[in-house]
Amino acid sequence: MAIALTDDNFQNMVLDSEKVALIDFWAEWCGPCRMIGPIVEELATEYDGKAVIGKVNVDDNPGISSKYGIRNIPTILFIKNGEVVDKQVGVVPKNVLEKKLQSHI
């Protein structure tokens, strides 16, 4: 299951992690977010122990969303060593996200 990331735990769970992180920025009211959500959950199961897979609710965590300039959702950021190394905006098939994730592991 994807980790629920918040303004409070983002530093510890993502930025301080040695693993690459796939972060899904989403909101309850966002239809496309509901489409990509199950894909993110599948990746969380498949990459357990290999990568940090998390979700940030933009309505509940404006600090992180603002820091990374999230204007459209769903937006998926790939973060490694505290830096954004890739980004995907909008709904895409699982293989697109998996390919990006694999390239940073």
N, C-alpha and C. Protein backbone atom coordinates (compact mmCIF):
# COMPACT_ATOMS: atom_id res chain seq x y z
N MET A 1 0.84 -1.20 0.00
CA MET A 1 0.00 0.00 0.00
C MET A 1 0.88 1.25 0.00
N ALA A 2 0.47 2.22 -0.78
CA ALA A 2 1.22 3.47 -0.86
C ALA A 2 1.19 4.18 0.49
N ILE A 3 2.28 4.84 0.80
CA ILE A 3 2.41 5.56 2.07
C ILE A 3 1.67 6.89 1.97
N ALA A 4 0.88 7.21 2.99
CA ALA A 4 0.23 8.52 3.04
C ALA A 4 1.27 9.53 3.52
N LEU A 5 1.68 10.39 2.61
CA LEU A 5 2.69 11.39 2.94
C LEU A 5 2.03 12.70 3.33
N THR A 6 2.63 13.37 4.30
CA THR A 6 2.09 14.63 4.81
C THR A 6 3.21 15.67 4.88
N ASP A 7 2.81 16.90 5.15
CA ASP A 7 3.80 17.96 5.36
C ASP A 7 4.76 17.57 6.49
N ASP A 8 4.26 16.80 7.46
CA ASP A 8 5.07 16.43 8.63
C ASP A 8 6.05 15.29 8.37
N ASN A 9 5.66 14.29 7.57
CA ASN A 9 6.54 13.12 7.42
C ASN A 9 7.30 13.09 6.08
N PHE A 10 7.09 14.06 5.21
CA PHE A 10 7.70 14.05 3.88
C PHE A 10 9.23 14.06 3.94
N GLN A 11 9.79 14.89 4.79
CA GLN A 11 11.25 14.98 4.92
C GLN A 11 11.84 13.61 5.28
N ASN A 12 11.30 13.01 6.32
CA ASN A 12 11.82 11.73 6.81
C ASN A 12 11.59 10.59 5.82
N MET A 13 10.39 10.50 5.27
CA MET A 13 10.02 9.36 4.43
C MET A 13 10.58 9.45 3.00
N VAL A 14 10.73 10.66 2.48
CA VAL A 14 11.13 10.82 1.08
C VAL A 14 12.52 11.43 0.94
N LEU A 15 12.69 12.64 1.45
CA LEU A 15 13.94 13.36 1.22
C LEU A 15 15.14 12.71 1.90
N ASP A 16 14.93 12.10 3.06
CA ASP A 16 16.03 11.45 3.78
C ASP A 16 16.22 9.99 3.37
N SER A 17 15.37 9.48 2.49
CA SER A 17 15.45 8.08 2.08
C SER A 17 16.58 7.87 1.06
N GLU A 18 17.19 6.71 1.12
CA GLU A 18 18.23 6.34 0.15
C GLU A 18 17.61 5.79 -1.13
N LYS A 19 16.33 5.48 -1.08
CA LYS A 19 15.63 4.89 -2.23
C LYS A 19 14.97 5.97 -3.07
N VAL A 20 14.75 5.64 -4.33
CA VAL A 20 13.99 6.54 -5.20
C VAL A 20 12.54 6.55 -4.70
N ALA A 21 11.88 7.70 -4.83
CA ALA A 21 10.48 7.81 -4.39
C ALA A 21 9.60 8.21 -5.58
N LEU A 22 8.45 7.55 -5.67
CA LEU A 22 7.41 7.92 -6.63
C LEU A 22 6.30 8.52 -5.79
N ILE A 23 6.02 9.80 -6.00
CA ILE A 23 5.04 10.52 -5.19
C ILE A 23 3.86 10.96 -6.06
N ASP A 24 2.68 10.49 -5.71
CA ASP A 24 1.45 10.83 -6.42
C ASP A 24 0.75 11.97 -5.70
N PHE A 25 0.67 13.13 -6.33
CA PHE A 25 -0.06 14.28 -5.78
C PHE A 25 -1.49 14.18 -6.32
N TRP A 26 -2.47 14.13 -5.41
CA TRP A 26 -3.84 13.85 -5.79
C TRP A 26 -4.83 14.59 -4.88
N ALA A 27 -6.12 14.46 -5.18
CA ALA A 27 -7.19 15.00 -4.33
C ALA A 27 -8.43 14.12 -4.49
N GLU A 28 -9.25 14.09 -3.46
CA GLU A 28 -10.48 13.27 -3.44
C GLU A 28 -11.40 13.59 -4.62
N TRP A 29 -11.53 14.86 -4.96
CA TRP A 29 -12.49 15.32 -5.96
C TRP A 29 -11.98 15.17 -7.40
N CYS A 30 -10.76 14.70 -7.57
CA CYS A 30 -10.12 14.63 -8.89
C CYS A 30 -10.39 13.29 -9.56
N GLY A 31 -11.19 13.30 -10.64
CA GLY A 31 -11.52 12.07 -11.37
C GLY A 31 -10.30 11.35 -11.93
N PRO A 32 -9.40 12.07 -12.65
CA PRO A 32 -8.20 11.40 -13.16
C PRO A 32 -7.32 10.81 -12.05
N CYS A 33 -7.34 11.44 -10.88
CA CYS A 33 -6.57 10.92 -9.74
C CYS A 33 -7.09 9.54 -9.34
N ARG A 34 -8.41 9.38 -9.41
CA ARG A 34 -9.01 8.08 -9.06
C ARG A 34 -8.65 7.02 -10.10
N MET A 35 -8.37 7.45 -11.32
CA MET A 35 -7.97 6.51 -12.36
C MET A 35 -6.54 6.01 -12.16
N ILE A 36 -5.65 6.89 -11.73
CA ILE A 36 -4.25 6.51 -11.58
C ILE A 36 -3.96 5.91 -10.20
N GLY A 37 -4.84 6.15 -9.25
CA GLY A 37 -4.65 5.64 -7.88
C GLY A 37 -4.38 4.14 -7.80
N PRO A 38 -5.19 3.30 -8.47
CA PRO A 38 -4.94 1.85 -8.41
C PRO A 38 -3.59 1.45 -9.00
N ILE A 39 -3.13 2.19 -10.00
CA ILE A 39 -1.82 1.90 -10.60
C ILE A 39 -0.72 2.18 -9.57
N VAL A 40 -0.85 3.30 -8.87
CA VAL A 40 0.14 3.65 -7.84
C VAL A 40 0.14 2.59 -6.74
N GLU A 41 -1.04 2.10 -6.38
CA GLU A 41 -1.12 1.05 -5.35
C GLU A 41 -0.45 -0.24 -5.82
N GLU A 42 -0.64 -0.60 -7.09
CA GLU A 42 0.02 -1.79 -7.63
C GLU A 42 1.53 -1.64 -7.57
N LEU A 43 2.02 -0.48 -7.95
CA LEU A 43 3.47 -0.23 -7.92
C LEU A 43 3.99 -0.29 -6.48
N ALA A 44 3.19 0.19 -5.54
CA ALA A 44 3.60 0.15 -4.12
C ALA A 44 3.81 -1.28 -3.67
N THR A 45 2.95 -2.18 -4.11
CA THR A 45 3.08 -3.59 -3.75
C THR A 45 4.28 -4.22 -4.45
N GLU A 46 4.40 -3.95 -5.74
CA GLU A 46 5.47 -4.57 -6.54
C GLU A 46 6.86 -4.07 -6.18
N TYR A 47 6.96 -2.82 -5.74
CA TYR A 47 8.28 -2.23 -5.43
C TYR A 47 8.51 -2.07 -3.94
N ASP A 48 7.75 -2.81 -3.14
CA ASP A 48 7.94 -2.76 -1.69
C ASP A 48 9.38 -3.14 -1.35
N GLY A 49 10.07 -2.28 -0.62
CA GLY A 49 11.45 -2.54 -0.24
C GLY A 49 12.46 -2.03 -1.25
N LYS A 50 12.01 -1.73 -2.48
CA LYS A 50 12.92 -1.25 -3.52
C LYS A 50 12.80 0.25 -3.75
N ALA A 51 11.61 0.79 -3.49
CA ALA A 51 11.34 2.21 -3.72
C ALA A 51 10.31 2.69 -2.71
N VAL A 52 10.26 3.99 -2.50
CA VAL A 52 9.23 4.60 -1.65
C VAL A 52 8.10 5.03 -2.58
N ILE A 53 6.92 4.46 -2.38
CA ILE A 53 5.76 4.83 -3.19
C ILE A 53 4.76 5.50 -2.25
N GLY A 54 4.47 6.76 -2.52
CA GLY A 54 3.60 7.49 -1.61
C GLY A 54 2.62 8.39 -2.32
N LYS A 55 1.64 8.87 -1.55
CA LYS A 55 0.59 9.74 -2.07
C LYS A 55 0.49 10.96 -1.17
N VAL A 56 0.34 12.13 -1.80
CA VAL A 56 0.16 13.38 -1.07
C VAL A 56 -1.19 13.96 -1.47
N ASN A 57 -2.09 14.08 -0.49
CA ASN A 57 -3.37 14.75 -0.73
C ASN A 57 -3.10 16.25 -0.74
N VAL A 58 -3.26 16.89 -1.91
CA VAL A 58 -2.90 18.30 -2.05
C VAL A 58 -3.77 19.22 -1.20
N ASP A 59 -5.00 18.81 -0.93
CA ASP A 59 -5.89 19.64 -0.11
C ASP A 59 -5.46 19.64 1.36
N ASP A 60 -4.93 18.52 1.82
CA ASP A 60 -4.54 18.38 3.22
C ASP A 60 -3.09 18.78 3.49
N ASN A 61 -2.28 18.88 2.44
CA ASN A 61 -0.84 19.14 2.59
C ASN A 61 -0.36 20.23 1.63
N PRO A 62 -0.81 21.46 1.87
CA PRO A 62 -0.45 22.55 0.95
C PRO A 62 1.04 22.89 0.96
N GLY A 63 1.75 22.57 2.03
CA GLY A 63 3.17 22.89 2.11
C GLY A 63 3.99 22.17 1.06
N ILE A 64 3.83 20.85 0.98
CA ILE A 64 4.59 20.06 0.00
C ILE A 64 4.15 20.44 -1.41
N SER A 65 2.85 20.55 -1.61
CA SER A 65 2.32 20.87 -2.93
C SER A 65 2.87 22.20 -3.43
N SER A 66 2.93 23.18 -2.56
CA SER A 66 3.45 24.50 -2.91
C SER A 66 4.95 24.44 -3.18
N LYS A 67 5.68 23.71 -2.34
CA LYS A 67 7.14 23.60 -2.48
C LYS A 67 7.52 23.07 -3.86
N TYR A 68 6.75 22.12 -4.37
CA TYR A 68 7.07 21.51 -5.66
C TYR A 68 6.27 22.10 -6.82
N GLY A 69 5.53 23.18 -6.56
CA GLY A 69 4.82 23.88 -7.63
C GLY A 69 3.76 23.04 -8.31
N ILE A 70 3.06 22.21 -7.54
CA ILE A 70 2.03 21.35 -8.10
C ILE A 70 0.82 22.21 -8.47
N ARG A 71 0.53 22.29 -9.76
CA ARG A 71 -0.60 23.09 -10.24
C ARG A 71 -1.69 22.22 -10.86
N ASN A 72 -1.30 21.08 -11.39
CA ASN A 72 -2.25 20.16 -12.00
C ASN A 72 -2.14 18.80 -11.31
N ILE A 73 -3.27 18.15 -11.15
CA ILE A 73 -3.23 16.81 -10.58
C ILE A 73 -4.01 15.87 -11.48
N PRO A 74 -3.65 14.62 -11.55
CA PRO A 74 -2.54 14.03 -10.80
C PRO A 74 -1.18 14.44 -11.38
N THR A 75 -0.24 14.69 -10.48
CA THR A 75 1.17 14.88 -10.85
C THR A 75 1.96 13.86 -10.07
N ILE A 76 2.86 13.19 -10.75
CA ILE A 76 3.72 12.22 -10.10
C ILE A 76 5.15 12.71 -10.21
N LEU A 77 5.80 12.85 -9.05
CA LEU A 77 7.20 13.23 -9.02
C LEU A 77 8.04 12.02 -8.65
N PHE A 78 9.20 11.94 -9.26
CA PHE A 78 10.19 10.92 -8.92
C PHE A 78 11.33 11.66 -8.24
N ILE A 79 11.59 11.31 -6.99
CA ILE A 79 12.59 12.01 -6.19
C ILE A 79 13.67 11.03 -5.76
N LYS A 80 14.92 11.43 -5.99
CA LYS A 80 16.06 10.60 -5.59
C LYS A 80 17.10 11.50 -4.96
N ASN A 81 17.63 11.08 -3.83
CA ASN A 81 18.63 11.88 -3.11
C ASN A 81 18.14 13.31 -2.85
N GLY A 82 16.85 13.45 -2.56
CA GLY A 82 16.28 14.75 -2.22
C GLY A 82 15.98 15.66 -3.40
N GLU A 83 16.23 15.19 -4.63
CA GLU A 83 16.03 16.00 -5.82
C GLU A 83 14.99 15.37 -6.74
N VAL A 84 14.19 16.21 -7.41
CA VAL A 84 13.24 15.72 -8.40
C VAL A 84 14.03 15.30 -9.63
N VAL A 85 13.91 14.03 -10.01
CA VAL A 85 14.66 13.51 -11.17
C VAL A 85 13.76 13.23 -12.37
N ASP A 86 12.45 13.23 -12.15
CA ASP A 86 11.51 13.02 -13.26
C ASP A 86 10.12 13.44 -12.80
N LYS A 87 9.23 13.62 -13.76
CA LYS A 87 7.88 14.12 -13.46
C LYS A 87 6.92 13.60 -14.50
N GLN A 88 5.69 13.33 -14.08
CA GLN A 88 4.63 12.93 -15.01
C GLN A 88 3.35 13.64 -14.59
N VAL A 89 2.74 14.36 -15.50
CA VAL A 89 1.48 15.05 -15.22
C VAL A 89 0.39 14.36 -16.02
N GLY A 90 -0.73 14.06 -15.33
CA GLY A 90 -1.85 13.43 -16.00
C GLY A 90 -1.81 11.92 -15.89
N VAL A 91 -2.87 11.30 -16.42
CA VAL A 91 -3.01 9.85 -16.34
C VAL A 91 -2.22 9.21 -17.48
N VAL A 92 -1.43 8.20 -17.12
CA VAL A 92 -0.67 7.43 -18.11
C VAL A 92 -0.79 5.95 -17.74
N PRO A 93 -0.50 5.07 -18.69
CA PRO A 93 -0.53 3.64 -18.38
C PRO A 93 0.56 3.27 -17.36
N LYS A 94 0.35 2.16 -16.70
CA LYS A 94 1.28 1.68 -15.67
C LYS A 94 2.69 1.54 -16.21
N ASN A 95 2.83 1.03 -17.45
CA ASN A 95 4.18 0.78 -17.98
C ASN A 95 5.00 2.06 -18.11
N VAL A 96 4.37 3.21 -18.32
CA VAL A 96 5.08 4.49 -18.41
C VAL A 96 5.69 4.84 -17.05
N LEU A 97 4.89 4.72 -16.00
CA LEU A 97 5.40 5.01 -14.66
C LEU A 97 6.47 4.01 -14.25
N GLU A 98 6.24 2.75 -14.59
CA GLU A 98 7.19 1.70 -14.21
C GLU A 98 8.54 1.92 -14.91
N LYS A 99 8.51 2.31 -16.16
CA LYS A 99 9.75 2.56 -16.90
C LYS A 99 10.52 3.71 -16.27
N LYS A 100 9.83 4.78 -15.92
CA LYS A 100 10.49 5.93 -15.28
C LYS A 100 11.07 5.52 -13.92
N LEU A 101 10.29 4.76 -13.15
CA LEU A 101 10.74 4.32 -11.84
C LEU A 101 11.98 3.44 -11.97
N GLN A 102 11.93 2.49 -12.88
CA GLN A 102 13.06 1.56 -13.10
C GLN A 102 14.33 2.31 -13.48
N SER A 103 14.21 3.36 -14.24
CA SER A 103 15.39 4.08 -14.71
C SER A 103 16.14 4.78 -13.58
N HIS A 104 15.49 4.92 -12.41
CA HIS A 104 16.12 5.61 -11.28
C HIS A 104 16.47 4.71 -10.11
N ILE A 105 16.14 3.41 -10.23
CA ILE A 105 16.46 2.47 -9.14
C ILE A 105 17.91 2.03 -9.27
